[in-house]
PDB file of N, CA and C in Angstrom:
ATOM      1  N   MET A   1      -7.155  35.365  54.746  1.00  0.00           N
ATOM      2  CA  MET A   1      -6.214  36.310  54.858  1.00  0.00           C
ATOM      3  C   MET A   1      -5.363  35.845  55.699  1.00  0.00           C
ATOM      4  N   SER A   2      -5.511  34.716  56.413  1.00  0.00           N
ATOM      5  CA  SER A   2      -4.440  33.695  56.989  1.00  0.00           C
ATOM      6  C   SER A   2      -3.387  33.392  56.137  1.00  0.00           C
ATOM      7  N   ARG A   3      -2.296  33.152  56.546  1.00  0.00           N
ATOM      8  CA  ARG A   3      -1.093  32.656  55.422  1.00  0.00           C
ATOM      9  C   ARG A   3      -0.964  31.098  55.912  1.00  0.00           C
ATOM     10  N   ARG A   4      -1.562  30.602  56.806  1.00  0.00           N
ATOM     11  CA  ARG A   4      -1.578  29.168  57.010  1.00  0.00           C
ATOM     12  C   ARG A   4      -2.359  28.390  56.252  1.00  0.00           C
ATOM     13  N   ARG A   5      -2.043  27.286  55.739  1.00  0.00           N
ATOM     14  CA  ARG A   5      -2.745  26.303  55.195  1.00  0.00           C
ATOM     15  C   ARG A   5      -3.375  25.488  56.103  1.00  0.00           C
ATOM     16  N   GLU A   6      -4.568  25.280  56.068  1.00  0.00           N
ATOM     17  CA  GLU A   6      -5.605  24.426  57.100  1.00  0.00           C
ATOM     18  C   GLU A   6      -6.404  23.591  56.344  1.00  0.00           C
ATOM     19  N   ARG A   7      -6.199  22.280  56.499  1.00  0.00           N
ATOM     20  CA  ARG A   7      -6.990  21.077  55.871  1.00  0.00           C
ATOM     21  C   ARG A   7      -8.309  21.069  56.835  1.00  0.00           C
ATOM     22  N   PRO A   8      -9.390  20.763  56.088  1.00  0.00           N
ATOM     23  CA  PRO A   8     -10.422  20.816  56.788  1.00  0.00           C
ATOM     24  C   PRO A   8     -10.321  19.101  57.593  1.00  0.00           C
ATOM     25  N   ASP A   9      -9.835  18.135  56.986  1.00  0.00           N
ATOM     26  CA  ASP A   9      -9.717  16.794  57.625  1.00  0.00           C
ATOM     27  C   ASP A   9      -8.579  16.566  58.521  1.00  0.00           C
ATOM     28  N   GLU A  10      -7.723  17.726  58.858  1.00  0.00           N
ATOM     29  CA  GLU A  10      -6.701  17.521  59.803  1.00  0.00           C
ATOM     30  C   GLU A  10      -7.025  17.841  61.317  1.00  0.00           C
ATOM     31  N   THR A  11      -6.782  17.169  62.175  1.00  0.00           N
ATOM     32  CA  THR A  11      -6.988  17.330  63.509  1.00  0.00           C
ATOM     33  C   THR A  11      -5.892  18.093  64.293  1.00  0.00           C
ATOM     34  N   VAL A  12      -5.911  19.045  64.497  1.00  0.00           N
ATOM     35  CA  VAL A  12      -5.010  19.778  65.315  1.00  0.00           C
ATOM     36  C   VAL A  12      -4.895  19.998  66.799  1.00  0.00           C
ATOM     37  N   ILE A  13      -3.769  19.553  67.539  1.00  0.00           N
ATOM     38  CA  ILE A  13      -3.530  19.106  68.636  1.00  0.00           C
ATOM     39  C   ILE A  13      -2.804  20.751  69.084  1.00  0.00           C
ATOM     40  N   SER A  14      -3.328  20.992  70.202  1.00  0.00           N
ATOM     41  CA  SER A  14      -2.756  22.434  70.659  1.00  0.00           C
ATOM     42  C   SER A  14      -1.970  21.885  71.701  1.00  0.00           C
ATOM     43  N   VAL A  15      -0.381  22.454  71.751  1.00  0.00           N
ATOM     44  CA  VAL A  15       0.659  21.978  72.773  1.00  0.00           C
ATOM     45  C   VAL A  15       0.797  23.273  73.367  1.00  0.00           C
ATOM     46  N   THR A  16       0.466  24.407  73.625  1.00  0.00           N
ATOM     47  CA  THR A  16       0.858  25.468  74.263  1.00  0.00           C
ATOM     48  C   THR A  16      -0.659  26.268  74.400  1.00  0.00           C
ATOM     49  N   SER A  17      -0.767  27.253  75.612  1.00  0.00           N
ATOM     50  CA  SER A  17      -1.711  28.002  76.200  1.00  0.00           C
ATOM     51  C   SER A  17      -1.453  29.127  75.324  1.00  0.00           C
ATOM     52  N   ALA A  18      -0.603  29.546  74.393  1.00  0.00           N
ATOM     53  CA  ALA A  18      -0.073  30.703  73.871  1.00  0.00           C
ATOM     54  C   ALA A  18      -1.426  31.551  72.804  1.00  0.00           C
ATOM     55  N   GLN A  19      -1.357  32.736  73.275  1.00  0.00           N
ATOM     56  CA  GLN A  19      -2.439  33.643  72.628  1.00  0.00           C
ATOM     57  C   GLN A  19      -2.327  33.646  71.050  1.00  0.00           C
ATOM     58  N   PRO A  20      -3.260  33.944  70.214  1.00  0.00           N
ATOM     59  CA  PRO A  20      -2.954  34.071  68.713  1.00  0.00           C
ATOM     60  C   PRO A  20      -1.765  35.075  68.159  1.00  0.00           C
ATOM     61  N   GLY A  21      -1.193  34.747  67.323  1.00  0.00           N
ATOM     62  CA  GLY A  21      -0.017  35.949  66.870  1.00  0.00           C
ATOM     63  C   GLY A  21      -0.520  37.143  66.762  1.00  0.00           C
ATOM     64  N   ARG A  22       0.535  38.014  66.596  1.00  0.00           N
ATOM     65  CA  ARG A  22       0.122  39.755  66.429  1.00  0.00           C
ATOM     66  C   ARG A  22       0.052  39.709  64.779  1.00  0.00           C
ATOM     67  N   SER A  23       0.479  38.789  63.989  1.00  0.00           N
ATOM     68  CA  SER A  23       0.117  39.188  62.449  1.00  0.00           C
ATOM     69  C   SER A  23      -1.543  38.631  62.234  1.00  0.00           C
ATOM     70  N   GLU A  24      -2.011  37.637  63.095  1.00  0.00           N
ATOM     71  CA  GLU A  24      -3.807  37.441  62.941  1.00  0.00           C
ATOM     72  C   GLU A  24      -4.613  38.569  63.557  1.00  0.00           C
ATOM     73  N   ASP A  25      -4.114  39.299  64.781  1.00  0.00           N
ATOM     74  CA  ASP A  25      -4.668  40.312  65.326  1.00  0.00           C
ATOM     75  C   ASP A  25      -4.650  41.795  64.529  1.00  0.00           C
ATOM     76  N   LEU A  26      -3.410  41.646  63.775  1.00  0.00           N
ATOM     77  CA  LEU A  26      -3.299  42.901  62.811  1.00  0.00           C
ATOM     78  C   LEU A  26      -4.334  42.897  61.811  1.00  0.00           C
ATOM     79  N   GLU A  27      -4.200  41.518  61.194  1.00  0.00           N
ATOM     80  CA  GLU A  27      -5.094  41.203  60.137  1.00  0.00           C
ATOM     81  C   GLU A  27      -6.732  41.609  60.364  1.00  0.00           C
ATOM     82  N   GLY A  28      -7.052  41.267  61.672  1.00  0.00           N
ATOM     83  CA  GLY A  28      -8.289  41.467  62.045  1.00  0.00           C
ATOM     84  C   GLY A  28      -8.810  42.789  62.131  1.00  0.00           C
ATOM     85  N   ARG A  29      -7.711  43.752  62.797  1.00  0.00           N
ATOM     86  CA  ARG A  29      -7.793  45.210  63.177  1.00  0.00           C
ATOM     87  C   ARG A  29      -7.937  45.726  61.861  1.00  0.00           C
ATOM     88  N   ILE A  30      -7.143  45.306  60.619  1.00  0.00           N
ATOM     89  CA  ILE A  30      -7.149  46.123  59.442  1.00  0.00           C
ATOM     90  C   ILE A  30      -8.531  45.959  58.782  1.00  0.00           C
ATOM     91  N   ALA A  31      -9.165  44.429  58.991  1.00  0.00           N
ATOM     92  CA  ALA A  31     -10.309  44.327  58.331  1.00  0.00           C
ATOM     93  C   ALA A  31     -11.612  45.112  58.895  1.00  0.00           C
ATOM     94  N   ARG A  32     -11.372  45.440  60.277  1.00  0.00           N
ATOM     95  CA  ARG A  32     -12.272  46.300  60.783  1.00  0.00           C
ATOM     96  C   ARG A  32     -12.300  47.891  60.395  1.00  0.00           C
ATOM     97  N   TYR A  33     -11.140  48.278  60.389  1.00  0.00           N
ATOM     98  CA  TYR A  33     -10.919  49.382  60.043  1.00  0.00           C
ATOM     99  C   TYR A  33     -11.434  49.882  58.394  1.00  0.00           C
ATOM    100  N   ALA A  34     -11.206  48.742  57.781  1.00  0.00           N
ATOM    101  CA  ALA A  34     -11.331  48.763  56.255  1.00  0.00           C
ATOM    102  C   ALA A  34     -13.005  48.939  56.132  1.00  0.00           C
ATOM    103  N   TRP A  35     -13.840  48.290  57.177  1.00  0.00           N
ATOM    104  CA  TRP A  35     -15.322  47.861  57.058  1.00  0.00           C
ATOM    105  C   TRP A  35     -15.866  49.428  57.232  1.00  0.00           C
ATOM    106  N   MET A  36     -15.238  50.130  58.350  1.00  0.00           N
ATOM    107  CA  MET A  36     -15.709  50.959  59.044  1.00  0.00           C
ATOM    108  C   MET A  36     -15.450  52.425  58.099  1.00  0.00           C
ATOM    109  N   MET A  37     -14.551  52.390  57.360  1.00  0.00           N
ATOM    110  CA  MET A  37     -14.081  53.434  56.112  1.00  0.00           C
ATOM    111  C   MET A  37     -15.296  52.935  55.074  1.00  0.00           C
ATOM    112  N   SER A  38     -15.452  51.955  54.598  1.00  0.00           N
ATOM    113  CA  SER A  38     -16.302  51.628  53.808  1.00  0.00           C
ATOM    114  C   SER A  38     -17.646  52.095  54.024  1.00  0.00           C
ATOM    115  N   ILE A  39     -18.121  51.813  55.282  1.00  0.00           N
ATOM    116  CA  ILE A  39     -19.642  52.691  55.841  1.00  0.00           C
ATOM    117  C   ILE A  39     -19.531  53.999  56.002  1.00  0.00           C
ATOM    118  N   ARG A  40     -18.416  54.637  56.046  1.00  0.00           N
ATOM    119  CA  ARG A  40     -18.316  56.297  55.730  1.00  0.00           C
ATOM    120  C   ARG A  40     -18.463  56.635  54.573  1.00  0.00           C
ATOM    121  N   ILE A  41     -17.913  55.649  53.479  1.00  0.00           N
ATOM    122  CA  ILE A  41     -18.182  56.244  52.368  1.00  0.00           C
ATOM    123  C   ILE A  41     -19.833  56.362  51.730  1.00  0.00           C
ATOM    124  N   VAL A  42     -20.407  55.028  52.314  1.00  0.00           N
ATOM    125  CA  VAL A  42     -21.874  54.934  51.938  1.00  0.00           C
ATOM    126  C   VAL A  42     -22.648  56.163  52.681  1.00  0.00           C
ATOM    127  N   CYS A  43     -21.962  56.523  53.917  1.00  0.00           N
ATOM    128  CA  CYS A  43     -22.665  57.781  54.446  1.00  0.00           C
ATOM    129  C   CYS A  43     -22.602  58.878  53.818  1.00  0.00           C
ATOM    130  N   PHE A  44     -21.406  59.052  53.181  1.00  0.00           N
ATOM    131  CA  PHE A  44     -21.423  60.528  52.265  1.00  0.00           C
ATOM    132  C   PHE A  44     -22.075  60.231  51.192  1.00  0.00           C
ATOM    133  N   VAL A  45     -22.002  59.041  50.502  1.00  0.00           N
ATOM    134  CA  VAL A  45     -23.175  59.056  49.238  1.00  0.00           C
ATOM    135  C   VAL A  45     -24.352  59.253  49.682  1.00  0.00           C
ATOM    136  N   LEU A  46     -24.954  58.570  50.677  1.00  0.00           N
ATOM    137  CA  LEU A  46     -26.418  58.967  51.229  1.00  0.00           C
ATOM    138  C   LEU A  46     -26.889  60.390  51.447  1.00  0.00           C
ATOM    139  N   ALA A  47     -25.582  61.019  52.224  1.00  0.00           N
ATOM    140  CA  ALA A  47     -25.976  62.358  52.614  1.00  0.00           C
ATOM    141  C   ALA A  47     -26.131  63.106  51.155  1.00  0.00           C
ATOM    142  N   VAL A  48     -25.333  62.840  50.142  1.00  0.00           N
ATOM    143  CA  VAL A  48     -25.775  63.576  49.072  1.00  0.00           C
ATOM    144  C   VAL A  48     -27.306  63.221  48.296  1.00  0.00           C
ATOM    145  N   LEU A  49     -27.258  61.970  48.536  1.00  0.00           N
ATOM    146  CA  LEU A  49     -28.566  61.674  47.724  1.00  0.00           C
ATOM    147  C   LEU A  49     -29.928  61.485  48.515  1.00  0.00           C
ATOM    148  N   THR A  50     -29.670  61.976  49.771  1.00  0.00           N
ATOM    149  CA  THR A  50     -30.911  61.976  50.431  1.00  0.00           C
ATOM    150  C   THR A  50     -31.750  63.320  50.651  1.00  0.00           C
ATOM    151  N   PRO A  51     -32.791  63.369  51.379  1.00  0.00           N
ATOM    152  CA  PRO A  51     -33.557  64.665  51.252  1.00  0.00           C
ATOM    153  C   PRO A  51     -32.884  65.344  53.066  1.00  0.00           C
ATOM    154  N   SER A  52     -33.110  66.448  53.483  1.00  0.00           N
ATOM    155  CA  SER A  52     -32.629  67.100  54.406  1.00  0.00           C
ATOM    156  C   SER A  52     -32.625  66.586  55.898  1.00  0.00           C
ATOM    157  N   PRO A  53     -33.665  66.094  56.404  1.00  0.00           N
ATOM    158  CA  PRO A  53     -33.535  65.643  57.865  1.00  0.00           C
ATOM    159  C   PRO A  53     -32.699  64.298  57.717  1.00  0.00           C
ATOM    160  N   TRP A  54     -32.351  63.634  56.902  1.00  0.00           N
ATOM    161  CA  TRP A  54     -31.659  62.295  56.641  1.00  0.00           C
ATOM    162  C   TRP A  54     -30.236  62.875  56.568  1.00  0.00           C
ATOM    163  N   ARG A  55     -30.052  63.813  55.431  1.00  0.00           N
ATOM    164  CA  ARG A  55     -28.663  64.204  55.210  1.00  0.00           C
ATOM    165  C   ARG A  55     -27.773  64.375  56.367  1.00  0.00           C
ATOM    166  N   TRP A  56     -28.407  65.429  57.214  1.00  0.00           N
ATOM    167  CA  TRP A  56     -27.614  65.677  58.723  1.00  0.00           C
ATOM    168  C   TRP A  56     -27.241  64.449  59.570  1.00  0.00           C
ATOM    169  N   GLY A  57     -27.986  63.536  59.382  1.00  0.00           N
ATOM    170  CA  GLY A  57     -27.838  62.300  60.186  1.00  0.00           C
ATOM    171  C   GLY A  57     -26.363  61.348  59.483  1.00  0.00           C
ATOM    172  N   PHE A  58     -26.622  61.327  58.030  1.00  0.00           N
ATOM    173  CA  PHE A  58     -25.387  60.586  57.681  1.00  0.00           C
ATOM    174  C   PHE A  58     -24.286  61.588  57.624  1.00  0.00           C
ATOM    175  N   MET A  59     -24.243  62.774  57.564  1.00  0.00           N
ATOM    176  CA  MET A  59     -23.285  63.750  57.899  1.00  0.00           C
ATOM    177  C   MET A  59     -22.487  63.477  58.908  1.00  0.00           C
ATOM    178  N   VAL A  60     -23.255  63.435  60.216  1.00  0.00           N
ATOM    179  CA  VAL A  60     -22.703  63.397  61.601  1.00  0.00           C
ATOM    180  C   VAL A  60     -22.061  62.035  61.458  1.00  0.00           C
ATOM    181  N   ALA A  61     -22.754  60.892  61.069  1.00  0.00           N
ATOM    182  CA  ALA A  61     -22.105  59.364  60.992  1.00  0.00           C
ATOM    183  C   ALA A  61     -20.667  59.363  60.262  1.00  0.00           C
ATOM    184  N   ALA A  62     -20.766  60.140  59.211  1.00  0.00           N
ATOM    185  CA  ALA A  62     -19.405  60.091  58.495  1.00  0.00           C
ATOM    186  C   ALA A  62     -18.573  61.114  58.871  1.00  0.00           C
ATOM    187  N   ILE A  63     -18.718  61.800  59.721  1.00  0.00           N
ATOM    188  CA  ILE A  63     -17.782  62.703  60.495  1.00  0.00           C
ATOM    189  C   ILE A  63     -17.199  62.221  61.670  1.00  0.00           C
ATOM    190  N   LEU A  64     -17.965  61.408  62.360  1.00  0.00           N
ATOM    191  CA  LEU A  64     -17.751  60.492  63.664  1.00  0.00           C
ATOM    192  C   LEU A  64     -17.256  59.250  63.451  1.00  0.00           C
ATOM    193  N   LEU A  65     -17.377  58.659  62.232  1.00  0.00           N
ATOM    194  CA  LEU A  65     -16.812  57.277  62.065  1.00  0.00           C
ATOM    195  C   LEU A  65     -15.470  57.045  62.190  1.00  0.00           C
ATOM    196  N   PRO A  66     -14.527  58.025  61.439  1.00  0.00           N
ATOM    197  CA  PRO A  66     -13.209  57.852  61.428  1.00  0.00           C
ATOM    198  C   PRO A  66     -12.754  57.795  62.924  1.00  0.00           C
ATOM    199  N   SER A  67     -13.212  58.527  64.028  1.00  0.00           N
ATOM    200  CA  SER A  67     -12.485  58.412  65.421  1.00  0.00           C
ATOM    201  C   SER A  67     -12.831  57.212  66.049  1.00  0.00           C
ATOM    202  N   VAL A  68     -14.159  56.761  65.622  1.00  0.00           N
ATOM    203  CA  VAL A  68     -14.767  55.490  66.248  1.00  0.00           C
ATOM    204  C   VAL A  68     -13.815  54.245  65.472  1.00  0.00           C
ATOM    205  N   ALA A  69     -13.555  54.404  64.379  1.00  0.00           N
ATOM    206  CA  ALA A  69     -12.724  53.311  63.739  1.00  0.00           C
ATOM    207  C   ALA A  69     -11.411  53.324  64.048  1.00  0.00           C
ATOM    208  N   VAL A  70     -10.650  54.551  64.262  1.00  0.00           N
ATOM    209  CA  VAL A  70      -9.422  54.442  64.806  1.00  0.00           C
ATOM    210  C   VAL A  70      -9.394  53.638  66.195  1.00  0.00           C
ATOM    211  N   VAL A  71     -10.183  54.066  67.055  1.00  0.00           N
ATOM    212  CA  VAL A  71     -10.275  53.474  68.584  1.00  0.00           C
ATOM    213  C   VAL A  71     -10.480  52.182  68.380  1.00  0.00           C
ATOM    214  N   LEU A  72     -11.303  51.425  67.618  1.00  0.00           N
ATOM    215  CA  LEU A  72     -11.861  50.243  67.336  1.00  0.00           C
ATOM    216  C   LEU A  72     -10.382  49.358  66.721  1.00  0.00           C
ATOM    217  N   ALA A  73      -9.654  49.992  65.726  1.00  0.00           N
ATOM    218  CA  ALA A  73      -8.735  49.550  65.023  1.00  0.00           C
ATOM    219  C   ALA A  73      -7.559  49.197  65.970  1.00  0.00           C
ATOM    220  N   ASN A  74      -7.441  50.380  66.910  1.00  0.00           N
ATOM    221  CA  ASN A  74      -6.295  50.277  67.922  1.00  0.00           C
ATOM    222  C   ASN A  74      -6.472  49.239  69.132  1.00  0.00           C
ATOM    223  N   ALA A  75      -7.783  48.803  69.406  1.00  0.00           N
ATOM    224  CA  ALA A  75      -8.074  48.328  70.638  1.00  0.00           C
ATOM    225  C   ALA A  75      -7.641  46.546  70.071  1.00  0.00           C
ATOM    226  N   ARG A  76      -6.771  46.012  71.133  1.00  0.00           N
ATOM    227  CA  ARG A  76      -6.518  44.811  70.826  1.00  0.00           C
ATOM    228  C   ARG A  76      -7.470  43.962  71.544  1.00  0.00           C
ATOM    229  N   ARG A  77      -7.764  42.687  70.924  1.00  0.00           N
ATOM    230  CA  ARG A  77      -8.591  41.709  71.440  1.00  0.00           C
ATOM    231  C   ARG A  77      -8.081  40.887  72.659  1.00  0.00           C
ATOM    232  N   THR A  78      -8.374  40.665  73.603  1.00  0.00           N
ATOM    233  CA  THR A  78      -7.755  40.181  74.656  1.00  0.00           C
ATOM    234  C   THR A  78      -8.492  38.887  75.028  1.00  0.00           C
ATOM    235  N   THR A  79      -8.754  38.054  74.147  1.00  0.00           N
ATOM    236  CA  THR A  79      -9.367  36.777  74.231  1.00  0.00           C
ATOM    237  C   THR A  79      -8.481  35.871  74.740  1.00  0.00           C
ATOM    238  N   LYS A  80      -8.921  35.047  75.493  1.00  0.00           N
ATOM    239  CA  LYS A  80      -7.937  33.848  76.208  1.00  0.00           C
ATOM    240  C   LYS A  80      -8.415  32.433  75.462  1.00  0.00           C
ATOM    241  N   VAL A  81      -7.027  31.975  75.349  1.00  0.00           N
ATOM    242  CA  VAL A  81      -7.238  30.691  74.618  1.00  0.00           C
ATOM    243  C   VAL A  81      -7.337  29.889  75.617  1.00  0.00           C
ATOM    244  N   SER A  82      -8.239  28.831  75.793  1.00  0.00           N
ATOM    245  CA  SER A  82      -8.333  27.806  76.691  1.00  0.00           C
ATOM    246  C   SER A  82      -7.280  26.986  76.589  1.00  0.00           C
ATOM    247  N   SER A  83      -6.671  26.450  77.672  1.00  0.00           N
ATOM    248  CA  SER A  83      -5.473  25.463  77.629  1.00  0.00           C
ATOM    249  C   SER A  83      -6.212  24.021  76.936  1.00  0.00           C
ATOM    250  N   ALA A  84      -5.362  23.394  76.411  1.00  0.00           N
ATOM    251  CA  ALA A  84      -5.588  22.349  75.682  1.00  0.00           C
ATOM    252  C   ALA A  84      -5.732  20.954  76.948  1.00  0.00           C
ATOM    253  N   ASP A  85      -6.740  20.120  76.494  1.00  0.00           N
ATOM    254  CA  ASP A  85      -6.876  19.043  77.232  1.00  0.00           C
ATOM    255  C   ASP A  85      -5.573  18.181  76.927  1.00  0.00           C
ATOM    256  N   ALA A  86      -5.186  17.412  78.083  1.00  0.00           N
ATOM    257  CA  ALA A  86      -4.217  16.370  78.070  1.00  0.00           C
ATOM    258  C   ALA A  86      -4.335  15.601  76.982  1.00  0.00           C
ATOM    259  N   TYR A  87      -3.308  14.908  76.318  1.00  0.00           N
ATOM    260  CA  TYR A  87      -3.276  14.081  75.192  1.00  0.00           C
ATOM    261  C   TYR A  87      -3.417  12.727  75.799  1.00  0.00           C
ATOM    262  N   ILE A  88      -4.301  11.890  75.655  1.00  0.00           N
ATOM    263  CA  ILE A  88      -4.315  10.603  76.155  1.00  0.00           C
ATOM    264  C   ILE A  88      -4.119   9.591  75.148  1.00  0.00           C
ATOM    265  N   ALA A  89      -3.043   8.595  75.229  1.00  0.00           N
ATOM    266  CA  ALA A  89      -2.764   7.917  74.103  1.00  0.00           C
ATOM    267  C   ALA A  89      -3.803   6.898  73.992  1.00  0.00           C
ATOM    268  N   PRO A  90      -4.279   6.183  72.693  1.00  0.00           N
ATOM    269  CA  PRO A  90      -4.927   5.081  72.557  1.00  0.00           C
ATOM    270  C   PRO A  90      -4.501   3.840  73.264  1.00  0.00           C
ATOM    271  N   PRO A  91      -5.449   3.018  73.833  1.00  0.00           N
ATOM    272  CA  PRO A  91      -4.652   1.963  74.470  1.00  0.00           C
ATOM    273  C   PRO A  91      -3.876   0.877  73.324  1.00  0.00           C
ATOM    274  N   ARG A  92      -3.097   0.652  73.917  1.00  0.00           N
ATOM    275  CA  ARG A  92      -2.174  -0.569  73.304  1.00  0.00           C
ATOM    276  C   ARG A  92      -2.659  -2.015  73.491  1.00  0.00           C
ATOM    277  N   ALA A  93      -2.666  -2.604  72.490  1.00  0.00           N
ATOM    278  CA  ALA A  93      -2.912  -4.109  72.584  1.00  0.00           C
ATOM    279  C   ALA A  93      -2.000  -5.058  73.545  1.00  0.00           C
ATOM    280  N   GLU A  94      -2.125  -5.599  74.291  1.00  0.00           N
ATOM    281  CA  GLU A  94      -1.202  -6.103  75.388  1.00  0.00           C
ATOM    282  C   GLU A  94      -0.808  -7.546  74.759  1.00  0.00           C
ATOM    283  N   LEU A  95       0.562  -7.854  74.921  1.00  0.00           N
ATOM    284  CA  LEU A  95       0.983  -8.960  74.705  1.00  0.00           C
ATOM    285  C   LEU A  95       0.541 -10.194  75.572  1.00  0.00           C
ATOM    286  N   GLY A  96       0.863 -11.403  75.156  1.00  0.00           N
ATOM    287  CA  GLY A  96       0.283 -12.547  76.012  1.00  0.00           C
ATOM    288  C   GLY A  96       1.255 -12.708  76.877  1.00  0.00           C
ATOM    289  N   SER A  97       1.008 -13.439  77.871  1.00  0.00           N
ATOM    290  CA  SER A  97       1.810 -13.773  78.969  1.00  0.00           C
ATOM    291  C   SER A  97       2.726 -14.830  78.362  1.00  0.00           C
ATOM    292  N   GLN A  98       4.034 -15.290  78.748  1.00  0.00           N
ATOM    293  CA  GLN A  98       4.763 -16.304  78.632  1.00  0.00           C
ATOM    294  C   GLN A  98       4.045 -17.549  78.529  1.00  0.00           C
ATOM    295  N   ASP A  99       3.143 -17.891  79.676  1.00  0.00           N
ATOM    296  CA  ASP A  99       2.434 -19.152  79.563  1.00  0.00           C
ATOM    297  C   ASP A  99       1.630 -19.554  78.250  1.00  0.00           C
ATOM    298  N   ASP A 100       1.098 -18.272  77.824  1.00  0.00           N
ATOM    299  CA  ASP A 100       0.227 -18.404  76.386  1.00  0.00           C
ATOM    300  C   ASP A 100       0.955 -18.812  75.338  1.00  0.00           C
ATOM    301  N   THR A 101       2.404 -18.360  75.364  1.00  0.00           N
ATOM    302  CA  THR A 101       3.261 -18.604  74.053  1.00  0.00           C
ATOM    303  C   THR A 101       3.895 -19.837  73.972  1.00  0.00           C
ATOM    304  N   GLU A 102       3.993 -20.673  75.327  1.00  0.00           N
ATOM    305  CA  GLU A 102       4.580 -21.634  75.304  1.00  0.00           C
ATOM    306  C   GLU A 102       3.699 -22.960  74.857  1.00  0.00           C
ATOM    307  N   LYS A 103       2.250 -22.740  74.938  1.00  0.00           N
ATOM    308  CA  LYS A 103       1.447 -23.914  74.801  1.00  0.00           C
ATOM    309  C   LYS A 103       1.116 -24.024  73.335  1.00  0.00           C
TER     310      LYS A 103
END
Protein backbone atom coordinates (compact mmCIF):
# COMPACT_ATOMS: atom_id res chain seq x y z
CA MET A 1 0.00 0.00 0.00
CA SER A 2 3.01 2.26 0.25
CA ARG A 3 3.39 4.79 -2.52
CA ARG A 4 7.17 4.75 -2.33
CA ARG A 5 9.21 2.68 -4.69
CA GLU A 6 11.76 0.69 -2.78
CA ARG A 7 14.50 -1.31 -4.36
CA PRO A 8 15.89 -4.24 -2.40
CA ASP A 9 19.49 -3.52 -3.46
CA GLU A 10 19.33 0.11 -2.38
CA THR A 11 20.89 1.20 0.91
CA VAL A 12 18.81 3.80 2.68
CA ILE A 13 20.62 6.31 4.85
CA SER A 14 18.43 8.00 7.44
CA VAL A 15 19.22 11.69 7.84
CA THR A 16 16.60 12.41 10.46
CA SER A 17 14.94 10.95 13.49
CA ALA A 18 11.47 11.94 12.25
CA GLN A 19 8.56 9.59 12.82
CA PRO A 20 6.85 7.81 9.90
CA GLY A 21 4.43 9.95 7.92
CA ARG A 22 0.73 10.28 8.64
CA SER A 23 -0.18 8.53 5.40
CA GLU A 24 1.70 5.38 6.48
CA ASP A 25 -0.02 5.48 9.86
CA LEU A 26 -3.41 5.97 8.23
CA GLU A 27 -2.88 3.07 5.84
CA GLY A 28 -2.09 0.77 8.75
CA ARG A 29 -5.14 1.87 10.70
CA ILE A 30 -7.42 1.37 7.68
CA ALA A 31 -6.02 -2.13 7.17
CA ARG A 32 -6.60 -3.03 10.85
CA TYR A 33 -10.19 -1.79 10.68
CA ALA A 34 -10.85 -3.73 7.47
CA TRP A 35 -9.51 -6.94 9.03
CA MET A 36 -11.69 -6.49 12.11
CA MET A 37 -14.79 -5.94 10.00
CA SER A 38 -14.03 -9.01 7.90
CA ILE A 39 -13.76 -11.04 11.12
CA ARG A 40 -17.15 -9.60 12.09
CA ILE A 41 -18.68 -10.83 8.83
CA VAL A 42 -17.25 -14.30 9.49
CA CYS A 43 -18.79 -14.20 12.99
CA PHE A 44 -22.22 -13.39 11.52
CA VAL A 45 -21.95 -16.24 9.01
CA LEU A 46 -20.83 -18.67 11.72
CA ALA A 47 -23.68 -17.51 13.98
CA VAL A 48 -26.14 -18.57 11.30
CA LEU A 49 -24.43 -21.89 10.51
CA THR A 50 -23.49 -23.20 13.98
CA PRO A 51 -25.64 -24.79 16.72
CA SER A 52 -27.04 -22.85 19.66
CA PRO A 53 -24.20 -22.68 22.25
CA TRP A 54 -21.65 -21.46 19.72
CA ARG A 55 -24.16 -19.22 17.98
CA TRP A 56 -24.43 -16.90 20.98
CA GLY A 57 -20.67 -16.56 21.27
CA PHE A 58 -20.36 -15.59 17.62
CA MET A 59 -23.25 -13.12 17.97
CA VAL A 60 -21.60 -11.45 20.98
CA ALA A 61 -18.30 -11.24 19.08
CA ALA A 62 -20.05 -9.76 16.04
CA ILE A 63 -21.76 -7.16 18.23
CA LEU A 64 -18.63 -6.19 20.18
CA LEU A 65 -16.13 -6.16 17.30
CA PRO A 66 -17.19 -2.79 15.80
CA SER A 67 -16.50 -0.90 19.01
CA VAL A 68 -13.15 -2.65 19.45
CA ALA A 69 -12.28 -2.02 15.80
CA VAL A 70 -13.04 1.71 16.09
CA VAL A 71 -10.91 2.05 19.21
CA LEU A 72 -7.99 0.20 17.59
CA ALA A 73 -8.35 2.12 14.32
CA ASN A 74 -8.28 5.47 16.11
CA ALA A 75 -5.30 4.54 18.28
CA ARG A 76 -2.13 5.92 16.81
CA ARG A 77 1.04 3.95 17.01
CA THR A 78 3.69 5.72 18.98
CA THR A 79 6.70 3.79 17.84
CA LYS A 80 9.91 5.69 18.18
CA VAL A 81 12.36 5.65 15.35
CA SER A 82 15.85 5.27 16.66
CA SER A 83 18.22 7.97 15.55
CA ALA A 84 20.51 7.08 12.73
CA ASP A 85 24.13 6.19 13.24
CA ALA A 86 26.61 8.83 12.20
CA TYR A 87 27.83 8.46 8.65
CA ILE A 88 31.51 7.62 8.55
CA ALA A 89 33.07 8.16 5.16
CA PRO A 90 35.31 5.41 3.85
CA PRO A 91 39.04 6.19 4.14
CA ARG A 92 40.63 7.88 1.17
CA ALA A 93 43.89 6.86 -0.35
CA GLU A 94 46.66 9.18 0.75
CA LEU A 95 48.82 10.96 -1.75
CA GLY A 96 52.53 10.33 -1.58
CA SER A 97 54.78 12.90 0.02
CA GLN A 98 56.77 15.45 -2.02
CA ASP A 99 59.92 13.39 -1.58
CA ASP A 100 58.36 10.30 -3.19
CA THR A 101 57.26 12.19 -6.31
CA GLU A 102 60.68 13.79 -6.94
CA LYS A 103 62.58 10.47 -6.96
